[in-house]
N, C-alpha and C. Protein backbone atom coordinates (compact mmCIF):
# COMPACT_ATOMS: atom_id res chain seq x y z
N MET A 1 -12.61 11.88 0.43
CA MET A 1 -12.22 10.55 0.03
C MET A 1 -13.11 9.54 0.74
N ARG A 2 -13.30 8.41 0.07
CA ARG A 2 -14.16 7.38 0.63
C ARG A 2 -13.66 6.00 0.20
N ILE A 3 -14.15 4.97 0.89
CA ILE A 3 -13.88 3.59 0.48
C ILE A 3 -14.74 3.33 -0.76
N VAL A 4 -14.14 2.79 -1.81
CA VAL A 4 -14.80 2.63 -3.10
C VAL A 4 -15.69 1.40 -3.14
N SER A 5 -15.25 0.27 -2.55
CA SER A 5 -16.01 -0.97 -2.69
C SER A 5 -15.79 -1.87 -1.48
N GLY A 6 -16.61 -2.90 -1.36
CA GLY A 6 -16.44 -3.89 -0.31
C GLY A 6 -17.31 -3.62 0.90
N SER A 7 -16.95 -4.26 2.01
CA SER A 7 -17.76 -4.20 3.23
C SER A 7 -17.82 -2.80 3.85
N LEU A 8 -16.84 -1.96 3.58
CA LEU A 8 -16.80 -0.60 4.13
C LEU A 8 -17.16 0.46 3.07
N ARG A 9 -17.69 0.02 1.97
CA ARG A 9 -18.01 0.91 0.85
C ARG A 9 -18.77 2.16 1.30
N GLY A 10 -18.31 3.31 0.80
CA GLY A 10 -18.95 4.58 1.09
C GLY A 10 -18.48 5.26 2.35
N ARG A 11 -17.71 4.56 3.20
CA ARG A 11 -17.22 5.18 4.43
C ARG A 11 -16.19 6.25 4.09
N ASN A 12 -16.27 7.37 4.78
CA ASN A 12 -15.33 8.46 4.56
C ASN A 12 -13.97 8.11 5.15
N ILE A 13 -12.92 8.58 4.47
CA ILE A 13 -11.54 8.37 4.92
C ILE A 13 -11.00 9.72 5.38
N ALA A 14 -10.59 9.80 6.65
CA ALA A 14 -9.95 11.01 7.16
C ALA A 14 -8.58 11.14 6.50
N THR A 15 -8.23 12.35 6.12
CA THR A 15 -6.92 12.59 5.50
C THR A 15 -6.14 13.58 6.36
N PRO A 16 -4.82 13.49 6.36
CA PRO A 16 -4.02 14.41 7.16
C PRO A 16 -4.11 15.82 6.61
N SER A 17 -4.10 16.79 7.53
CA SER A 17 -4.09 18.19 7.09
C SER A 17 -2.71 18.54 6.57
N GLY A 18 -2.62 19.59 5.80
CA GLY A 18 -1.34 20.04 5.27
C GLY A 18 -1.05 19.48 3.90
N ARG A 19 0.17 19.71 3.43
CA ARG A 19 0.56 19.31 2.08
C ARG A 19 1.65 18.24 2.07
N ASN A 20 1.85 17.58 3.20
CA ASN A 20 2.91 16.57 3.27
C ASN A 20 2.49 15.23 2.69
N THR A 21 1.20 15.04 2.44
CA THR A 21 0.73 13.79 1.85
C THR A 21 -0.11 14.10 0.62
N ARG A 22 -0.16 13.13 -0.28
CA ARG A 22 -0.92 13.26 -1.53
C ARG A 22 -1.74 11.98 -1.68
N PRO A 23 -3.00 12.01 -1.23
CA PRO A 23 -3.79 10.77 -1.27
C PRO A 23 -4.04 10.27 -2.69
N THR A 24 -4.06 8.96 -2.85
CA THR A 24 -4.42 8.33 -4.12
C THR A 24 -5.90 8.59 -4.36
N SER A 25 -6.24 9.08 -5.54
CA SER A 25 -7.63 9.42 -5.84
C SER A 25 -8.53 8.18 -5.81
N ASP A 26 -9.83 8.41 -5.57
CA ASP A 26 -10.80 7.31 -5.57
C ASP A 26 -10.75 6.55 -6.90
N GLN A 27 -10.66 7.29 -8.00
CA GLN A 27 -10.66 6.66 -9.33
C GLN A 27 -9.42 5.79 -9.53
N THR A 28 -8.26 6.28 -9.12
CA THR A 28 -7.03 5.50 -9.26
C THR A 28 -7.08 4.27 -8.37
N ARG A 29 -7.56 4.43 -7.12
CA ARG A 29 -7.70 3.27 -6.23
C ARG A 29 -8.63 2.23 -6.83
N GLU A 30 -9.76 2.67 -7.38
CA GLU A 30 -10.69 1.73 -7.99
C GLU A 30 -10.03 0.99 -9.15
N SER A 31 -9.27 1.71 -9.97
CA SER A 31 -8.59 1.07 -11.10
C SER A 31 -7.55 0.06 -10.63
N ILE A 32 -6.78 0.41 -9.59
CA ILE A 32 -5.78 -0.51 -9.03
C ILE A 32 -6.46 -1.80 -8.56
N PHE A 33 -7.54 -1.65 -7.81
CA PHE A 33 -8.20 -2.83 -7.25
C PHE A 33 -8.94 -3.63 -8.31
N ASN A 34 -9.41 -2.99 -9.37
CA ASN A 34 -10.01 -3.74 -10.48
C ASN A 34 -8.96 -4.64 -11.14
N ILE A 35 -7.75 -4.11 -11.32
CA ILE A 35 -6.67 -4.92 -11.89
C ILE A 35 -6.34 -6.08 -10.95
N LEU A 36 -6.21 -5.79 -9.67
CA LEU A 36 -5.88 -6.85 -8.70
C LEU A 36 -6.96 -7.93 -8.64
N ALA A 37 -8.21 -7.54 -8.84
CA ALA A 37 -9.31 -8.51 -8.78
C ALA A 37 -9.37 -9.41 -10.01
N HIS A 38 -8.83 -8.95 -11.15
CA HIS A 38 -9.01 -9.70 -12.40
C HIS A 38 -7.73 -10.22 -13.05
N ALA A 39 -6.57 -9.73 -12.62
CA ALA A 39 -5.32 -10.17 -13.25
C ALA A 39 -4.98 -11.60 -12.82
N PRO A 40 -4.60 -12.44 -13.77
CA PRO A 40 -4.28 -13.84 -13.43
C PRO A 40 -3.05 -13.96 -12.52
N TRP A 41 -2.19 -12.96 -12.49
CA TRP A 41 -0.98 -13.01 -11.67
C TRP A 41 -1.19 -12.49 -10.25
N SER A 42 -2.36 -11.93 -9.95
CA SER A 42 -2.59 -11.34 -8.64
C SER A 42 -3.16 -12.35 -7.65
N PRO A 43 -2.55 -12.46 -6.45
CA PRO A 43 -3.15 -13.31 -5.43
C PRO A 43 -4.49 -12.71 -5.00
N PRO A 44 -5.41 -13.53 -4.50
CA PRO A 44 -6.72 -13.00 -4.10
C PRO A 44 -6.60 -12.04 -2.92
N LEU A 45 -7.46 -11.03 -2.90
CA LEU A 45 -7.50 -10.11 -1.77
C LEU A 45 -8.17 -10.75 -0.56
N ASP A 46 -9.06 -11.70 -0.79
CA ASP A 46 -9.75 -12.35 0.30
C ASP A 46 -8.72 -13.13 1.13
N GLY A 47 -8.54 -12.73 2.39
CA GLY A 47 -7.57 -13.36 3.27
C GLY A 47 -6.16 -12.85 3.12
N ALA A 48 -5.96 -11.81 2.33
CA ALA A 48 -4.61 -11.27 2.05
C ALA A 48 -3.98 -10.66 3.29
N ILE A 49 -2.64 -10.69 3.31
CA ILE A 49 -1.84 -10.01 4.33
C ILE A 49 -1.16 -8.85 3.58
N VAL A 50 -1.55 -7.63 3.93
CA VAL A 50 -1.22 -6.44 3.14
C VAL A 50 -0.34 -5.48 3.94
N ALA A 51 0.57 -4.79 3.23
CA ALA A 51 1.33 -3.68 3.80
C ALA A 51 1.04 -2.44 2.97
N ASP A 52 0.81 -1.33 3.64
CA ASP A 52 0.60 -0.03 2.99
C ASP A 52 1.75 0.85 3.45
N ILE A 53 2.77 0.98 2.59
CA ILE A 53 4.01 1.69 2.92
C ILE A 53 3.93 3.11 2.37
N PHE A 54 4.41 4.09 3.15
CA PHE A 54 4.18 5.51 2.87
C PHE A 54 2.66 5.69 2.83
N ALA A 55 2.00 5.24 3.88
CA ALA A 55 0.55 5.03 3.90
C ALA A 55 -0.28 6.31 3.81
N GLY A 56 0.21 7.46 4.26
CA GLY A 56 -0.60 8.67 4.22
C GLY A 56 -1.85 8.50 5.07
N SER A 57 -3.02 8.53 4.45
CA SER A 57 -4.29 8.33 5.16
C SER A 57 -4.59 6.86 5.40
N GLY A 58 -3.86 5.98 4.72
CA GLY A 58 -4.12 4.55 4.81
C GLY A 58 -5.16 4.07 3.82
N ALA A 59 -5.52 4.91 2.85
CA ALA A 59 -6.62 4.61 1.92
C ALA A 59 -6.43 3.29 1.17
N LEU A 60 -5.22 2.98 0.72
CA LEU A 60 -5.00 1.74 -0.03
C LEU A 60 -5.18 0.52 0.86
N GLY A 61 -4.61 0.56 2.06
CA GLY A 61 -4.78 -0.56 2.99
C GLY A 61 -6.21 -0.71 3.46
N LEU A 62 -6.89 0.40 3.72
CA LEU A 62 -8.30 0.35 4.13
C LEU A 62 -9.17 -0.25 3.03
N GLU A 63 -8.88 0.14 1.79
CA GLU A 63 -9.62 -0.41 0.64
C GLU A 63 -9.39 -1.91 0.55
N ALA A 64 -8.15 -2.35 0.78
CA ALA A 64 -7.85 -3.78 0.74
C ALA A 64 -8.63 -4.54 1.82
N ILE A 65 -8.69 -3.99 3.03
CA ILE A 65 -9.44 -4.64 4.10
C ILE A 65 -10.92 -4.69 3.75
N SER A 66 -11.44 -3.61 3.21
CA SER A 66 -12.85 -3.56 2.80
C SER A 66 -13.16 -4.65 1.78
N ARG A 67 -12.16 -5.00 0.96
CA ARG A 67 -12.35 -6.00 -0.09
C ARG A 67 -11.93 -7.41 0.35
N GLY A 68 -11.69 -7.61 1.64
CA GLY A 68 -11.48 -8.96 2.14
C GLY A 68 -10.12 -9.27 2.72
N ALA A 69 -9.16 -8.33 2.69
CA ALA A 69 -7.85 -8.60 3.28
C ALA A 69 -8.00 -8.91 4.77
N GLU A 70 -7.20 -9.83 5.25
CA GLU A 70 -7.25 -10.26 6.65
C GLU A 70 -6.52 -9.30 7.58
N PHE A 71 -5.44 -8.67 7.07
CA PHE A 71 -4.58 -7.84 7.92
C PHE A 71 -3.90 -6.78 7.06
N CYS A 72 -3.68 -5.59 7.65
CA CYS A 72 -2.89 -4.56 6.97
C CYS A 72 -1.94 -3.91 7.96
N LEU A 73 -0.68 -3.84 7.57
CA LEU A 73 0.34 -3.08 8.29
C LEU A 73 0.47 -1.74 7.58
N PHE A 74 0.24 -0.66 8.31
CA PHE A 74 0.43 0.69 7.77
C PHE A 74 1.81 1.17 8.22
N VAL A 75 2.61 1.65 7.28
CA VAL A 75 3.95 2.16 7.58
C VAL A 75 3.96 3.64 7.22
N GLU A 76 4.16 4.49 8.22
CA GLU A 76 4.11 5.94 8.00
C GLU A 76 4.91 6.64 9.09
N THR A 77 5.73 7.64 8.70
CA THR A 77 6.53 8.38 9.69
C THR A 77 5.94 9.76 10.00
N GLU A 78 5.16 10.32 9.13
CA GLU A 78 4.63 11.68 9.31
C GLU A 78 3.54 11.68 10.38
N PRO A 79 3.69 12.49 11.45
CA PRO A 79 2.75 12.45 12.58
C PRO A 79 1.29 12.72 12.21
N LYS A 80 1.01 13.69 11.37
CA LYS A 80 -0.39 13.98 11.01
C LYS A 80 -1.00 12.83 10.22
N ALA A 81 -0.21 12.19 9.39
CA ALA A 81 -0.70 11.04 8.62
C ALA A 81 -0.99 9.88 9.57
N ARG A 82 -0.10 9.63 10.53
CA ARG A 82 -0.36 8.56 11.50
C ARG A 82 -1.64 8.83 12.29
N GLY A 83 -1.88 10.11 12.62
CA GLY A 83 -3.11 10.48 13.31
C GLY A 83 -4.34 10.18 12.47
N ALA A 84 -4.27 10.46 11.17
CA ALA A 84 -5.39 10.17 10.27
C ALA A 84 -5.63 8.66 10.18
N ILE A 85 -4.55 7.88 10.10
CA ILE A 85 -4.68 6.42 10.05
C ILE A 85 -5.34 5.91 11.33
N ARG A 86 -4.86 6.39 12.48
CA ARG A 86 -5.47 5.97 13.76
C ARG A 86 -6.95 6.33 13.80
N GLU A 87 -7.30 7.52 13.33
CA GLU A 87 -8.70 7.93 13.29
C GLU A 87 -9.52 7.01 12.39
N ASN A 88 -8.99 6.67 11.22
CA ASN A 88 -9.70 5.78 10.30
C ASN A 88 -9.88 4.38 10.89
N VAL A 89 -8.84 3.86 11.51
CA VAL A 89 -8.92 2.53 12.13
C VAL A 89 -9.97 2.53 13.24
N GLU A 90 -9.96 3.58 14.05
CA GLU A 90 -10.93 3.68 15.15
C GLU A 90 -12.36 3.83 14.62
N THR A 91 -12.56 4.75 13.69
CA THR A 91 -13.89 5.01 13.14
C THR A 91 -14.48 3.77 12.47
N MET A 92 -13.63 2.99 11.80
CA MET A 92 -14.09 1.80 11.08
C MET A 92 -13.99 0.52 11.91
N ASN A 93 -13.55 0.68 13.19
CA ASN A 93 -13.44 -0.43 14.13
C ASN A 93 -12.58 -1.58 13.57
N LEU A 94 -11.35 -1.24 13.16
CA LEU A 94 -10.44 -2.20 12.52
C LEU A 94 -9.22 -2.53 13.39
N PHE A 95 -9.38 -2.46 14.71
CA PHE A 95 -8.24 -2.66 15.61
C PHE A 95 -7.61 -4.04 15.48
N GLY A 96 -8.37 -5.08 15.36
CA GLY A 96 -7.83 -6.44 15.36
C GLY A 96 -7.14 -6.84 14.08
N CYS A 97 -7.35 -6.09 13.01
CA CYS A 97 -6.79 -6.52 11.72
C CYS A 97 -5.82 -5.49 11.13
N THR A 98 -5.35 -4.55 11.95
CA THR A 98 -4.40 -3.54 11.47
C THR A 98 -3.30 -3.31 12.50
N ARG A 99 -2.22 -2.76 12.01
CA ARG A 99 -1.13 -2.32 12.88
C ARG A 99 -0.49 -1.11 12.22
N LEU A 100 -0.09 -0.14 13.02
CA LEU A 100 0.56 1.08 12.53
C LEU A 100 2.02 1.04 12.96
N HIS A 101 2.91 1.11 11.99
CA HIS A 101 4.36 1.04 12.21
C HIS A 101 4.93 2.42 11.87
N ARG A 102 5.57 3.08 12.82
CA ARG A 102 6.02 4.46 12.58
C ARG A 102 7.50 4.57 12.24
N HIS A 103 8.11 3.47 11.87
CA HIS A 103 9.54 3.49 11.56
C HIS A 103 9.79 3.67 10.07
N ASP A 104 11.01 4.01 9.76
CA ASP A 104 11.46 4.20 8.39
C ASP A 104 11.23 2.93 7.56
N ALA A 105 10.59 3.08 6.42
CA ALA A 105 10.27 1.94 5.55
C ALA A 105 11.51 1.22 5.04
N THR A 106 12.66 1.90 5.01
CA THR A 106 13.88 1.26 4.52
C THR A 106 14.48 0.33 5.58
N LYS A 107 13.88 0.29 6.78
CA LYS A 107 14.40 -0.56 7.85
C LYS A 107 13.42 -1.64 8.26
N LEU A 108 12.44 -1.92 7.42
CA LEU A 108 11.45 -2.95 7.74
C LEU A 108 12.11 -4.32 7.84
N LYS A 109 11.67 -5.11 8.81
CA LYS A 109 12.15 -6.48 8.93
C LYS A 109 11.13 -7.29 9.71
N VAL A 110 11.09 -8.57 9.43
CA VAL A 110 10.24 -9.47 10.17
C VAL A 110 11.03 -9.96 11.38
N ALA A 111 10.47 -9.75 12.55
CA ALA A 111 11.08 -10.22 13.80
C ALA A 111 9.94 -10.64 14.72
N PRO A 112 10.21 -11.51 15.67
CA PRO A 112 9.13 -11.95 16.57
C PRO A 112 8.39 -10.76 17.19
N GLY A 113 7.08 -10.76 17.05
CA GLY A 113 6.26 -9.69 17.61
C GLY A 113 6.35 -8.38 16.88
N ASN A 114 7.06 -8.31 15.76
CA ASN A 114 7.27 -7.05 15.07
C ASN A 114 6.27 -6.85 13.93
N LEU A 115 6.42 -7.60 12.87
CA LEU A 115 5.57 -7.45 11.70
C LEU A 115 4.90 -8.77 11.37
N ARG A 116 3.76 -8.69 10.70
CA ARG A 116 3.16 -9.90 10.14
C ARG A 116 3.58 -9.96 8.69
N GLY A 117 3.97 -11.07 8.25
CA GLY A 117 4.41 -11.18 6.88
C GLY A 117 4.82 -12.62 6.65
N PRO A 118 5.22 -12.99 5.49
CA PRO A 118 5.37 -12.11 4.33
C PRO A 118 4.01 -11.64 3.80
N PHE A 119 4.06 -10.56 3.03
CA PHE A 119 2.86 -9.89 2.55
C PHE A 119 2.48 -10.36 1.14
N THR A 120 1.18 -10.52 0.92
CA THR A 120 0.70 -10.90 -0.40
C THR A 120 0.59 -9.69 -1.32
N HIS A 121 0.32 -8.53 -0.73
CA HIS A 121 0.18 -7.27 -1.47
C HIS A 121 0.91 -6.18 -0.69
N ILE A 122 1.81 -5.48 -1.36
CA ILE A 122 2.51 -4.35 -0.74
C ILE A 122 2.24 -3.12 -1.60
N PHE A 123 1.54 -2.16 -0.99
CA PHE A 123 1.26 -0.89 -1.66
C PHE A 123 2.32 0.11 -1.23
N MET A 124 2.93 0.78 -2.21
CA MET A 124 3.94 1.81 -1.92
C MET A 124 3.56 3.08 -2.68
N ASP A 125 3.31 4.14 -1.92
CA ASP A 125 2.95 5.42 -2.52
C ASP A 125 3.80 6.52 -1.90
N PRO A 126 5.12 6.53 -2.21
CA PRO A 126 6.02 7.51 -1.60
C PRO A 126 5.82 8.90 -2.21
N PRO A 127 6.38 9.93 -1.57
CA PRO A 127 6.37 11.26 -2.20
C PRO A 127 6.96 11.15 -3.61
N TYR A 128 6.32 11.80 -4.55
CA TYR A 128 6.74 11.71 -5.95
C TYR A 128 8.15 12.26 -6.19
N ASN A 129 8.84 11.63 -7.13
CA ASN A 129 10.11 12.09 -7.68
C ASN A 129 11.25 12.23 -6.67
N LYS A 130 11.23 11.42 -5.62
CA LYS A 130 12.32 11.44 -4.65
C LYS A 130 13.08 10.12 -4.61
N GLY A 131 12.59 9.13 -5.35
CA GLY A 131 13.28 7.83 -5.41
C GLY A 131 13.25 7.05 -4.11
N LEU A 132 12.36 7.38 -3.20
CA LEU A 132 12.31 6.69 -1.91
C LEU A 132 11.93 5.22 -2.05
N TRP A 133 11.32 4.84 -3.14
CA TRP A 133 10.91 3.45 -3.36
C TRP A 133 12.12 2.55 -3.59
N ARG A 134 13.22 3.09 -4.10
CA ARG A 134 14.39 2.26 -4.44
C ARG A 134 14.92 1.47 -3.23
N PRO A 135 15.29 2.16 -2.13
CA PRO A 135 15.81 1.38 -0.99
C PRO A 135 14.74 0.48 -0.36
N VAL A 136 13.46 0.86 -0.46
CA VAL A 136 12.41 0.04 0.12
C VAL A 136 12.26 -1.26 -0.69
N LEU A 137 12.30 -1.17 -2.02
CA LEU A 137 12.25 -2.39 -2.84
C LEU A 137 13.39 -3.34 -2.46
N SER A 138 14.59 -2.79 -2.31
CA SER A 138 15.73 -3.62 -1.92
C SER A 138 15.50 -4.28 -0.57
N ARG A 139 14.98 -3.51 0.37
CA ARG A 139 14.73 -4.03 1.72
C ARG A 139 13.68 -5.14 1.71
N LEU A 140 12.61 -4.93 0.93
CA LEU A 140 11.55 -5.94 0.84
C LEU A 140 12.11 -7.27 0.35
N LYS A 141 13.01 -7.18 -0.64
CA LYS A 141 13.61 -8.38 -1.21
C LYS A 141 14.59 -9.02 -0.23
N GLU A 142 15.47 -8.21 0.37
CA GLU A 142 16.47 -8.71 1.32
C GLU A 142 15.83 -9.42 2.51
N GLN A 143 14.76 -8.85 3.02
CA GLN A 143 14.12 -9.36 4.23
C GLN A 143 13.06 -10.43 3.95
N GLY A 144 12.81 -10.73 2.66
CA GLY A 144 11.80 -11.73 2.33
C GLY A 144 10.40 -11.32 2.76
N LEU A 145 10.08 -10.04 2.64
CA LEU A 145 8.81 -9.53 3.11
C LEU A 145 7.66 -9.73 2.11
N LEU A 146 7.97 -10.17 0.91
CA LEU A 146 6.94 -10.41 -0.09
C LEU A 146 6.70 -11.91 -0.21
N ALA A 147 5.43 -12.32 -0.13
CA ALA A 147 5.08 -13.73 -0.28
C ALA A 147 5.52 -14.23 -1.65
N GLU A 148 5.65 -15.53 -1.79
CA GLU A 148 6.13 -16.13 -3.04
C GLU A 148 5.35 -15.66 -4.26
N ASP A 149 4.03 -15.56 -4.16
CA ASP A 149 3.22 -15.09 -5.29
C ASP A 149 2.76 -13.65 -5.11
N GLY A 150 3.38 -12.93 -4.16
CA GLY A 150 2.96 -11.58 -3.81
C GLY A 150 3.27 -10.54 -4.88
N VAL A 151 2.54 -9.42 -4.79
CA VAL A 151 2.73 -8.31 -5.73
C VAL A 151 3.00 -7.01 -4.98
N ILE A 152 3.78 -6.17 -5.62
CA ILE A 152 4.04 -4.82 -5.12
C ILE A 152 3.34 -3.87 -6.07
N ILE A 153 2.62 -2.91 -5.49
CA ILE A 153 1.91 -1.92 -6.29
C ILE A 153 2.58 -0.58 -5.95
N LEU A 154 3.37 -0.07 -6.88
CA LEU A 154 4.17 1.14 -6.67
C LEU A 154 3.55 2.30 -7.43
N GLU A 155 3.22 3.37 -6.71
CA GLU A 155 2.70 4.59 -7.35
C GLU A 155 3.77 5.66 -7.31
N GLU A 156 4.02 6.27 -8.46
CA GLU A 156 4.98 7.35 -8.61
C GLU A 156 4.37 8.38 -9.57
N SER A 157 5.10 9.44 -9.85
CA SER A 157 4.60 10.40 -10.83
C SER A 157 4.73 9.79 -12.22
N LYS A 158 3.88 10.22 -13.14
CA LYS A 158 3.91 9.63 -14.48
C LYS A 158 5.22 9.91 -15.21
N GLU A 159 5.97 10.93 -14.79
CA GLU A 159 7.26 11.25 -15.43
C GLU A 159 8.41 10.44 -14.86
N ALA A 160 8.21 9.77 -13.75
CA ALA A 160 9.30 9.09 -13.05
C ALA A 160 9.87 7.94 -13.87
N GLU A 161 11.19 7.81 -13.82
CA GLU A 161 11.85 6.64 -14.39
C GLU A 161 11.94 5.61 -13.27
N ILE A 162 11.42 4.43 -13.53
CA ILE A 162 11.40 3.40 -12.50
C ILE A 162 12.26 2.23 -12.97
N ASN A 163 13.41 2.06 -12.31
CA ASN A 163 14.31 0.95 -12.59
C ASN A 163 13.90 -0.20 -11.68
N THR A 164 13.44 -1.27 -12.28
CA THR A 164 12.89 -2.39 -11.51
C THR A 164 13.87 -3.56 -11.46
N ASN A 165 15.13 -3.27 -11.30
CA ASN A 165 16.18 -4.29 -11.23
C ASN A 165 15.81 -5.38 -10.23
N GLY A 166 15.75 -6.63 -10.70
CA GLY A 166 15.43 -7.75 -9.83
C GLY A 166 13.95 -7.98 -9.63
N PHE A 167 13.12 -7.18 -10.28
CA PHE A 167 11.67 -7.32 -10.17
C PHE A 167 11.07 -7.42 -11.57
N GLU A 168 10.04 -8.22 -11.68
CA GLU A 168 9.32 -8.37 -12.95
C GLU A 168 8.15 -7.39 -12.98
N VAL A 169 8.02 -6.64 -14.09
CA VAL A 169 6.90 -5.73 -14.25
C VAL A 169 5.71 -6.52 -14.78
N LEU A 170 4.62 -6.54 -14.01
CA LEU A 170 3.41 -7.26 -14.39
C LEU A 170 2.45 -6.36 -15.16
N ALA A 171 2.42 -5.09 -14.82
CA ALA A 171 1.59 -4.09 -15.50
C ALA A 171 2.15 -2.72 -15.17
N ASP A 172 1.97 -1.78 -16.08
CA ASP A 172 2.46 -0.41 -15.92
C ASP A 172 1.38 0.51 -16.48
N LYS A 173 0.72 1.26 -15.60
CA LYS A 173 -0.43 2.08 -16.00
C LYS A 173 -0.23 3.53 -15.60
N ILE A 174 -0.86 4.43 -16.36
CA ILE A 174 -0.86 5.85 -16.03
C ILE A 174 -2.30 6.30 -15.90
N TRP A 175 -2.60 6.93 -14.74
CA TRP A 175 -3.91 7.54 -14.50
C TRP A 175 -3.66 8.95 -14.01
N GLY A 176 -4.03 9.94 -14.79
CA GLY A 176 -3.80 11.34 -14.41
C GLY A 176 -2.31 11.59 -14.22
N ALA A 177 -1.94 12.12 -13.05
CA ALA A 177 -0.53 12.42 -12.75
C ALA A 177 0.21 11.21 -12.20
N ALA A 178 -0.51 10.10 -11.99
CA ALA A 178 0.08 8.93 -11.34
C ALA A 178 0.47 7.84 -12.32
N ARG A 179 1.62 7.24 -12.06
CA ARG A 179 2.06 6.03 -12.76
C ARG A 179 2.05 4.91 -11.72
N VAL A 180 1.36 3.83 -12.03
CA VAL A 180 1.26 2.70 -11.11
C VAL A 180 1.88 1.49 -11.78
N VAL A 181 2.90 0.92 -11.12
CA VAL A 181 3.61 -0.23 -11.64
C VAL A 181 3.36 -1.41 -10.70
N PHE A 182 2.92 -2.52 -11.26
CA PHE A 182 2.67 -3.75 -10.52
C PHE A 182 3.90 -4.64 -10.72
N LEU A 183 4.49 -5.09 -9.62
CA LEU A 183 5.76 -5.83 -9.66
C LEU A 183 5.68 -7.10 -8.84
N ARG A 184 6.58 -8.03 -9.16
CA ARG A 184 6.86 -9.15 -8.28
C ARG A 184 8.35 -9.46 -8.40
N VAL A 185 8.85 -10.19 -7.41
CA VAL A 185 10.28 -10.52 -7.43
C VAL A 185 10.54 -11.37 -8.67
N GLY A 186 11.58 -10.97 -9.46
CA GLY A 186 11.88 -11.63 -10.72
C GLY A 186 12.81 -12.79 -10.59
């Protein structure tokens, strides 16, 4: 895996060993970011405050930083995935513009010294077909973690039924085995 575009283009992304994570393919990442760059409803990535939830290797957040995001919060509980994120941050010298949060995504909250937010872009790529995105969407809304014009980019399996109660669907795309839904608070 590699960074597709931007200031870090071509840099390799370390991925966690084992089968506990499923990285978003380069092609799917490129398609996601092409939509974000051209959709009239998407806030600009330049200067964005981004969260990468269920981050895995951190590829989505790293891609956002490469394309101009100011900050990325990586949220991941799996130890090997956190190790890969730390390795990527170190290798790409991104200490000042990233933070790694190892707590459960369903318990995210903004508190002094805790998280930077609200976020303009929230990437969520949970394990497929487990519905883990449901409580996280509720938490994001309850805690006001999404900026007023912010977008959520949710990746699930293409067979998944996604109930977006309280959220407006901006786009719904299928690439290979992945279904990517772009949302904002409705």
